[in-house]
Amino acid sequence: LDGVELEEKYARYYPQDDVAADVIGYVDK
């Protein structure tokens, strides 16, 4: 589609969601 633009970038992803959040933590933007 004309006028539709996708901007790509890399981001941190946690496939187990909250299962190990207390240990793993997170990264910001």
PDB file of all heavy atoms in Angstrom:
ATOM      1  N   LEU A   1       0.836  -1.205   0.000  1.00  0.00           N
ATOM      2  CA  LEU A   1       0.000   0.000   0.000  1.00  0.00           C
ATOM      3  C   LEU A   1       0.865   1.246   0.000  1.00  0.00           C
ATOM      4  O   LEU A   1       1.820   1.356   0.786  1.00  0.00           O
ATOM      5  CB  LEU A   1      -0.901  -0.002   1.240  1.00  0.00           C
ATOM      6  CG  LEU A   1      -1.957  -1.106   1.324  1.00  0.00           C
ATOM      7  CD1 LEU A   1      -2.654  -1.060   2.669  1.00  0.00           C
ATOM      8  CD2 LEU A   1      -2.959  -0.975   0.187  1.00  0.00           C
ATOM      9  N   ASP A   2       0.535   2.183  -0.881  1.00  0.00           N
ATOM     10  CA  ASP A   2       1.211   3.481  -0.872  1.00  0.00           C
ATOM     11  C   ASP A   2       0.811   4.247   0.385  1.00  0.00           C
ATOM     12  O   ASP A   2      -0.350   4.225   0.810  1.00  0.00           O
ATOM     13  CB  ASP A   2       0.830   4.288  -2.114  1.00  0.00           C
ATOM     14  CG  ASP A   2       1.371   3.671  -3.391  1.00  0.00           C
ATOM     15  OD1 ASP A   2       2.392   2.972  -3.302  1.00  0.00           O
ATOM     16  OD2 ASP A   2       0.764   3.874  -4.459  1.00  0.00           O
ATOM     17  N   GLY A   3       1.792   4.954   0.985  1.00  0.00           N
ATOM     18  CA  GLY A   3       1.516   5.725   2.184  1.00  0.00           C
ATOM     19  C   GLY A   3       1.576   4.925   3.463  1.00  0.00           C
ATOM     20  O   GLY A   3       1.270   5.448   4.533  1.00  0.00           O
ATOM     21  N   VAL A   4       1.980   3.649   3.390  1.00  0.00           N
ATOM     22  CA  VAL A   4       2.129   2.797   4.575  1.00  0.00           C
ATOM     23  C   VAL A   4       3.613   2.476   4.738  1.00  0.00           C
ATOM     24  O   VAL A   4       4.229   1.909   3.837  1.00  0.00           O
ATOM     25  CB  VAL A   4       1.304   1.509   4.454  1.00  0.00           C
ATOM     26  CG1 VAL A   4       1.559   0.603   5.652  1.00  0.00           C
ATOM     27  CG2 VAL A   4      -0.177   1.840   4.347  1.00  0.00           C
ATOM     28  N   GLU A   5       4.170   2.842   5.889  1.00  0.00           N
ATOM     29  CA  GLU A   5       5.617   2.710   6.103  1.00  0.00           C
ATOM     30  C   GLU A   5       5.897   1.879   7.357  1.00  0.00           C
ATOM     31  O   GLU A   5       5.270   2.074   8.399  1.00  0.00           O
ATOM     32  CB  GLU A   5       6.245   4.102   6.262  1.00  0.00           C
ATOM     33  CG  GLU A   5       7.729   4.083   6.583  1.00  0.00           C
ATOM     34  CD  GLU A   5       8.264   5.453   6.953  1.00  0.00           C
ATOM     35  OE1 GLU A   5       7.452   6.392   7.066  1.00  0.00           O
ATOM     36  OE2 GLU A   5       9.482   5.567   7.139  1.00  0.00           O
ATOM     37  N   LEU A   6       6.835   0.965   7.255  1.00  0.00           N
ATOM     38  CA  LEU A   6       7.263   0.143   8.377  1.00  0.00           C
ATOM     39  C   LEU A   6       8.688   0.534   8.769  1.00  0.00           C
ATOM     40  O   LEU A   6       9.590   0.532   7.935  1.00  0.00           O
ATOM     41  CB  LEU A   6       7.206  -1.340   8.022  1.00  0.00           C
ATOM     42  CG  LEU A   6       5.833  -2.009   8.050  1.00  0.00           C
ATOM     43  CD1 LEU A   6       5.927  -3.422   7.495  1.00  0.00           C
ATOM     44  CD2 LEU A   6       5.266  -2.040   9.458  1.00  0.00           C
ATOM     45  N   GLU A   7       8.872   0.865  10.036  1.00  0.00           N
ATOM     46  CA  GLU A   7      10.210   1.189  10.550  1.00  0.00           C
ATOM     47  C   GLU A   7      10.660   0.043  11.437  1.00  0.00           C
ATOM     48  O   GLU A   7       9.978  -0.320  12.390  1.00  0.00           O
ATOM     49  CB  GLU A   7      10.161   2.488  11.353  1.00  0.00           C
ATOM     50  CG  GLU A   7      11.501   2.919  11.910  1.00  0.00           C
ATOM     51  CD  GLU A   7      11.381   4.154  12.780  1.00  0.00           C
ATOM     52  OE1 GLU A   7      11.462   5.265  12.230  1.00  0.00           O
ATOM     53  OE2 GLU A   7      11.184   4.004  13.999  1.00  0.00           O
ATOM     54  N   GLU A   8      11.812  -0.536  11.138  1.00  0.00           N
ATOM     55  CA  GLU A   8      12.281  -1.693  11.889  1.00  0.00           C
ATOM     56  C   GLU A   8      13.389  -1.327  12.867  1.00  0.00           C
ATOM     57  O   GLU A   8      14.187  -0.431  12.622  1.00  0.00           O
ATOM     58  CB  GLU A   8      12.766  -2.792  10.947  1.00  0.00           C
ATOM     59  CG  GLU A   8      13.955  -2.419  10.096  1.00  0.00           C
ATOM     60  CD  GLU A   8      14.381  -3.548   9.170  1.00  0.00           C
ATOM     61  OE1 GLU A   8      13.507  -4.300   8.704  1.00  0.00           O
ATOM     62  OE2 GLU A   8      15.600  -3.666   8.930  1.00  0.00           O
ATOM     63  N   LYS A   9      13.402  -2.026  13.990  1.00  0.00           N
ATOM     64  CA  LYS A   9      14.468  -1.868  14.981  1.00  0.00           C
ATOM     65  C   LYS A   9      14.494  -3.123  15.850  1.00  0.00           C
ATOM     66  O   LYS A   9      13.565  -3.938  15.833  1.00  0.00           O
ATOM     67  CB  LYS A   9      14.235  -0.627  15.847  1.00  0.00           C
ATOM     68  CG  LYS A   9      13.001  -0.699  16.720  1.00  0.00           C
ATOM     69  CD  LYS A   9      12.896   0.530  17.597  1.00  0.00           C
ATOM     70  CE  LYS A   9      11.665   0.455  18.503  1.00  0.00           C
ATOM     71  NZ  LYS A   9      11.558   1.644  19.386  1.00  0.00           N
ATOM     72  N   TYR A  10      15.570  -3.262  16.620  1.00  0.00           N
ATOM     73  CA  TYR A  10      15.702  -4.411  17.508  1.00  0.00           C
ATOM     74  C   TYR A  10      15.260  -4.021  18.920  1.00  0.00           C
ATOM     75  O   TYR A  10      15.448  -2.884  19.358  1.00  0.00           O
ATOM     76  CB  TYR A  10      17.141  -4.915  17.547  1.00  0.00           C
ATOM     77  CG  TYR A  10      17.507  -5.761  16.356  1.00  0.00           C
ATOM     78  CD1 TYR A  10      18.023  -5.181  15.199  1.00  0.00           C
ATOM     79  CD2 TYR A  10      17.312  -7.132  16.373  1.00  0.00           C
ATOM     80  CE1 TYR A  10      18.355  -5.948  14.101  1.00  0.00           C
ATOM     81  CE2 TYR A  10      17.640  -7.913  15.277  1.00  0.00           C
ATOM     82  CZ  TYR A  10      18.159  -7.313  14.151  1.00  0.00           C
ATOM     83  OH  TYR A  10      18.482  -8.084  13.066  1.00  0.00           O
ATOM     84  N   ALA A  11      14.668  -4.976  19.610  1.00  0.00           N
ATOM     85  CA  ALA A  11      14.229  -4.760  20.989  1.00  0.00           C
ATOM     86  C   ALA A  11      14.414  -6.041  21.784  1.00  0.00           C
ATOM     87  O   ALA A  11      14.458  -7.146  21.230  1.00  0.00           O
ATOM     88  CB  ALA A  11      12.766  -4.317  21.029  1.00  0.00           C
ATOM     89  N   ARG A  12      14.518  -5.895  23.101  1.00  0.00           N
ATOM     90  CA  ARG A  12      14.676  -7.048  23.983  1.00  0.00           C
ATOM     91  C   ARG A  12      13.342  -7.780  24.086  1.00  0.00           C
ATOM     92  O   ARG A  12      12.278  -7.159  24.199  1.00  0.00           O
ATOM     93  CB  ARG A  12      15.135  -6.584  25.352  1.00  0.00           C
ATOM     94  CG  ARG A  12      15.793  -7.676  26.205  1.00  0.00           C
ATOM     95  CD  ARG A  12      17.084  -8.136  25.634  1.00  0.00           C
ATOM     96  NE  ARG A  12      17.915  -8.867  26.606  1.00  0.00           N
ATOM     97  CZ  ARG A  12      18.942  -9.602  26.274  1.00  0.00           C
ATOM     98  NH1 ARG A  12      19.259  -9.743  24.981  1.00  0.00           N
ATOM     99  NH2 ARG A  12      19.668 -10.208  27.194  1.00  0.00           N
ATOM    100  N   TYR A  13      13.405  -9.101  24.072  1.00  0.00           N
ATOM    101  CA  TYR A  13      12.196  -9.910  24.105  1.00  0.00           C
ATOM    102  C   TYR A  13      12.367 -11.020  25.139  1.00  0.00           C
ATOM    103  O   TYR A  13      13.427 -11.650  25.225  1.00  0.00           O
ATOM    104  CB  TYR A  13      11.917 -10.510  22.725  1.00  0.00           C
ATOM    105  CG  TYR A  13      10.750 -11.458  22.681  1.00  0.00           C
ATOM    106  CD1 TYR A  13       9.477 -11.044  23.049  1.00  0.00           C
ATOM    107  CD2 TYR A  13      10.918 -12.777  22.278  1.00  0.00           C
ATOM    108  CE1 TYR A  13       8.400 -11.919  23.021  1.00  0.00           C
ATOM    109  CE2 TYR A  13       9.849 -13.667  22.234  1.00  0.00           C
ATOM    110  CZ  TYR A  13       8.590 -13.224  22.610  1.00  0.00           C
ATOM    111  OH  TYR A  13       7.538 -14.092  22.581  1.00  0.00           O
ATOM    112  N   TYR A  14      11.311 -11.240  25.908  1.00  0.00           N
ATOM    113  CA  TYR A  14      11.325 -12.246  26.967  1.00  0.00           C
ATOM    114  C   TYR A  14      10.257 -13.299  26.648  1.00  0.00           C
ATOM    115  O   TYR A  14       9.067 -13.105  26.966  1.00  0.00           O
ATOM    116  CB  TYR A  14      11.069 -11.588  28.320  1.00  0.00           C
ATOM    117  CG  TYR A  14      12.053 -10.480  28.609  1.00  0.00           C
ATOM    118  CD1 TYR A  14      11.770  -9.162  28.242  1.00  0.00           C
ATOM    119  CD2 TYR A  14      13.279 -10.741  29.201  1.00  0.00           C
ATOM    120  CE1 TYR A  14      12.679  -8.142  28.477  1.00  0.00           C
ATOM    121  CE2 TYR A  14      14.191  -9.743  29.450  1.00  0.00           C
ATOM    122  CZ  TYR A  14      13.887  -8.439  29.077  1.00  0.00           C
ATOM    123  OH  TYR A  14      14.794  -7.433  29.304  1.00  0.00           O
ATOM    124  N   PRO A  15      10.642 -14.394  26.001  1.00  0.00           N
ATOM    125  CA  PRO A  15       9.654 -15.378  25.525  1.00  0.00           C
ATOM    126  C   PRO A  15       8.869 -16.062  26.647  1.00  0.00           C
ATOM    127  O   PRO A  15       7.788 -16.589  26.399  1.00  0.00           O
ATOM    128  CB  PRO A  15      10.505 -16.389  24.747  1.00  0.00           C
ATOM    129  CG  PRO A  15      11.888 -16.219  25.254  1.00  0.00           C
ATOM    130  CD  PRO A  15      12.016 -14.785  25.633  1.00  0.00           C
ATOM    131  N   GLN A  16       9.388 -16.058  27.878  1.00  0.00           N
ATOM    132  CA  GLN A  16       8.683 -16.705  28.988  1.00  0.00           C
ATOM    133  C   GLN A  16       7.813 -15.722  29.765  1.00  0.00           C
ATOM    134  O   GLN A  16       7.291 -16.068  30.833  1.00  0.00           O
ATOM    135  CB  GLN A  16       9.698 -17.364  29.944  1.00  0.00           C
ATOM    136  CG  GLN A  16      10.747 -18.214  29.276  1.00  0.00           C
ATOM    137  CD  GLN A  16      10.171 -19.347  28.455  1.00  0.00           C
ATOM    138  OE1 GLN A  16       9.074 -19.825  28.732  1.00  0.00           O
ATOM    139  NE2 GLN A  16      10.896 -19.780  27.429  1.00  0.00           N
ATOM    140  N   ASP A  17       7.680 -14.498  29.254  1.00  0.00           N
ATOM    141  CA  ASP A  17       6.875 -13.461  29.898  1.00  0.00           C
ATOM    142  C   ASP A  17       7.335 -13.236  31.339  1.00  0.00           C
ATOM    143  O   ASP A  17       8.477 -12.916  31.561  1.00  0.00           O
ATOM    144  CB  ASP A  17       5.386 -13.805  29.819  1.00  0.00           C
ATOM    145  CG  ASP A  17       4.873 -13.745  28.380  1.00  0.00           C
ATOM    146  OD1 ASP A  17       5.397 -12.918  27.610  1.00  0.00           O
ATOM    147  OD2 ASP A  17       3.974 -14.527  28.019  1.00  0.00           O
ATOM    148  N   ASP A  18       6.445 -13.459  32.325  1.00  0.00           N
ATOM    149  CA  ASP A  18       6.766 -13.102  33.707  1.00  0.00           C
ATOM    150  C   ASP A  18       7.343 -14.252  34.532  1.00  0.00           C
ATOM    151  O   ASP A  18       7.568 -14.094  35.731  1.00  0.00           O
ATOM    152  CB  ASP A  18       5.516 -12.564  34.412  1.00  0.00           C
ATOM    153  CG  ASP A  18       4.395 -13.603  34.472  1.00  0.00           C
ATOM    154  OD1 ASP A  18       4.565 -14.690  33.890  1.00  0.00           O
ATOM    155  OD2 ASP A  18       3.360 -13.315  35.093  1.00  0.00           O
ATOM    156  N   VAL A  19       7.610 -15.393  33.932  1.00  0.00           N
ATOM    157  CA  VAL A  19       8.021 -16.578  34.695  1.00  0.00           C
ATOM    158  C   VAL A  19       9.307 -16.315  35.474  1.00  0.00           C
ATOM    159  O   VAL A  19       9.439 -16.709  36.641  1.00  0.00           O
ATOM    160  CB  VAL A  19       8.195 -17.799  33.765  1.00  0.00           C
ATOM    161  CG1 VAL A  19       8.764 -18.985  34.534  1.00  0.00           C
ATOM    162  CG2 VAL A  19       6.856 -18.176  33.153  1.00  0.00           C
ATOM    163  N   ALA A  20      10.273 -15.643  34.859  1.00  0.00           N
ATOM    164  CA  ALA A  20      11.563 -15.403  35.520  1.00  0.00           C
ATOM    165  C   ALA A  20      11.864 -13.910  35.643  1.00  0.00           C
ATOM    166  O   ALA A  20      13.022 -13.515  35.772  1.00  0.00           O
ATOM    167  CB  ALA A  20      12.684 -16.093  34.754  1.00  0.00           C
ATOM    168  N   ALA A  21      10.828 -13.087  35.636  1.00  0.00           N
ATOM    169  CA  ALA A  21      11.038 -11.631  35.649  1.00  0.00           C
ATOM    170  C   ALA A  21      11.786 -11.170  36.891  1.00  0.00           C
ATOM    171  O   ALA A  21      12.565 -10.213  36.833  1.00  0.00           O
ATOM    172  CB  ALA A  21       9.693 -10.912  35.547  1.00  0.00           C
ATOM    173  N   ASP A  22      11.567 -11.828  38.044  1.00  0.00           N
ATOM    174  CA  ASP A  22      12.208 -11.403  39.294  1.00  0.00           C
ATOM    175  C   ASP A  22      13.726 -11.516  39.222  1.00  0.00           C
ATOM    176  O   ASP A  22      14.443 -10.770  39.881  1.00  0.00           O
ATOM    177  CB  ASP A  22      11.712 -12.270  40.462  1.00  0.00           C
ATOM    178  CG  ASP A  22      10.216 -12.521  40.375  1.00  0.00           C
ATOM    179  OD1 ASP A  22       9.473 -11.540  40.399  1.00  0.00           O
ATOM    180  OD2 ASP A  22       9.819 -13.694  40.242  1.00  0.00           O
ATOM    181  N   VAL A  23      14.211 -12.448  38.414  1.00  0.00           N
ATOM    182  CA  VAL A  23      15.655 -12.660  38.279  1.00  0.00           C
ATOM    183  C   VAL A  23      16.204 -11.941  37.054  1.00  0.00           C
ATOM    184  O   VAL A  23      17.242 -11.279  37.128  1.00  0.00           O
ATOM    185  CB  VAL A  23      15.971 -14.170  38.194  1.00  0.00           C
ATOM    186  CG1 VAL A  23      17.462 -14.396  37.940  1.00  0.00           C
ATOM    187  CG2 VAL A  23      15.541 -14.876  39.465  1.00  0.00           C
ATOM    188  N   ILE A  24      15.519 -12.040  35.930  1.00  0.00           N
ATOM    189  CA  ILE A  24      16.030 -11.499  34.668  1.00  0.00           C
ATOM    190  C   ILE A  24      15.945  -9.985  34.630  1.00  0.00           C
ATOM    191  O   ILE A  24      16.855  -9.313  34.161  1.00  0.00           O
ATOM    192  CB  ILE A  24      15.263 -12.112  33.478  1.00  0.00           C
ATOM    193  CG1 ILE A  24      15.362 -13.638  33.530  1.00  0.00           C
ATOM    194  CG2 ILE A  24      15.832 -11.584  32.166  1.00  0.00           C
ATOM    195  CD1 ILE A  24      16.775 -14.157  33.541  1.00  0.00           C
ATOM    196  N   GLY A  25      14.840  -9.409  35.123  1.00  0.00           N
ATOM    197  CA  GLY A  25      14.655  -7.958  35.036  1.00  0.00           C
ATOM    198  C   GLY A  25      14.190  -7.540  33.659  1.00  0.00           C
ATOM    199  O   GLY A  25      13.506  -8.285  32.959  1.00  0.00           O
ATOM    200  N   TYR A  26      14.599  -6.340  33.222  1.00  0.00           N
ATOM    201  CA  TYR A  26      14.192  -5.842  31.912  1.00  0.00           C
ATOM    202  C   TYR A  26      15.147  -4.751  31.457  1.00  0.00           C
ATOM    203  O   TYR A  26      15.962  -4.241  32.241  1.00  0.00           O
ATOM    204  CB  TYR A  26      12.761  -5.288  31.967  1.00  0.00           C
ATOM    205  CG  TYR A  26      12.644  -3.945  32.679  1.00  0.00           C
ATOM    206  CD1 TYR A  26      12.628  -2.750  31.969  1.00  0.00           C
ATOM    207  CD2 TYR A  26      12.566  -3.881  34.068  1.00  0.00           C
ATOM    208  CE1 TYR A  26      12.536  -1.530  32.615  1.00  0.00           C
ATOM    209  CE2 TYR A  26      12.468  -2.661  34.728  1.00  0.00           C
ATOM    210  CZ  TYR A  26      12.447  -1.493  33.991  1.00  0.00           C
ATOM    211  OH  TYR A  26      12.369  -0.286  34.641  1.00  0.00           O
ATOM    212  N   VAL A  27      15.071  -4.392  30.167  1.00  0.00           N
ATOM    213  CA  VAL A  27      15.810  -3.247  29.623  1.00  0.00           C
ATOM    214  C   VAL A  27      14.800  -2.220  29.146  1.00  0.00           C
ATOM    215  O   VAL A  27      13.682  -2.559  28.737  1.00  0.00           O
ATOM    216  CB  VAL A  27      16.745  -3.658  28.463  1.00  0.00           C
ATOM    217  CG1 VAL A  27      17.800  -4.617  28.939  1.00  0.00           C
ATOM    218  CG2 VAL A  27      15.948  -4.270  27.317  1.00  0.00           C
ATOM    219  N   ASP A  28      15.177  -0.934  29.184  1.00  0.00           N
ATOM    220  CA  ASP A  28      14.268   0.131  28.768  1.00  0.00           C
ATOM    221  C   ASP A  28      14.358   0.366  27.267  1.00  0.00           C
ATOM    222  O   ASP A  28      15.012  -0.382  26.532  1.00  0.00           O
ATOM    223  CB  ASP A  28      14.561   1.423  29.541  1.00  0.00           C
ATOM    224  CG  ASP A  28      15.989   1.919  29.335  1.00  0.00           C
ATOM    225  OD1 ASP A  28      16.658   1.440  28.392  1.00  0.00           O
ATOM    226  OD2 ASP A  28      16.439   2.785  30.099  1.00  0.00           O
ATOM    227  N   LYS A  29      13.717   1.433  26.786  1.00  0.00           N
ATOM    228  CA  LYS A  29      13.690   1.724  25.363  1.00  0.00           C
ATOM    229  C   LYS A  29      15.057   2.093  24.816  1.00  0.00           C
ATOM    230  O   LYS A  29      15.297   1.982  23.614  1.00  0.00           O
ATOM    231  CB  LYS A  29      12.686   2.857  25.087  1.00  0.00           C
ATOM    232  CG  LYS A  29      11.244   2.472  25.359  1.00  0.00           C
ATOM    233  CD  LYS A  29      10.305   3.612  25.032  1.00  0.00           C
ATOM    234  CE  LYS A  29       8.851   3.214  25.287  1.00  0.00           C
ATOM    235  NZ  LYS A  29       7.909   4.322  24.977  1.00  0.00           N
TER     236      LYS A  29
END
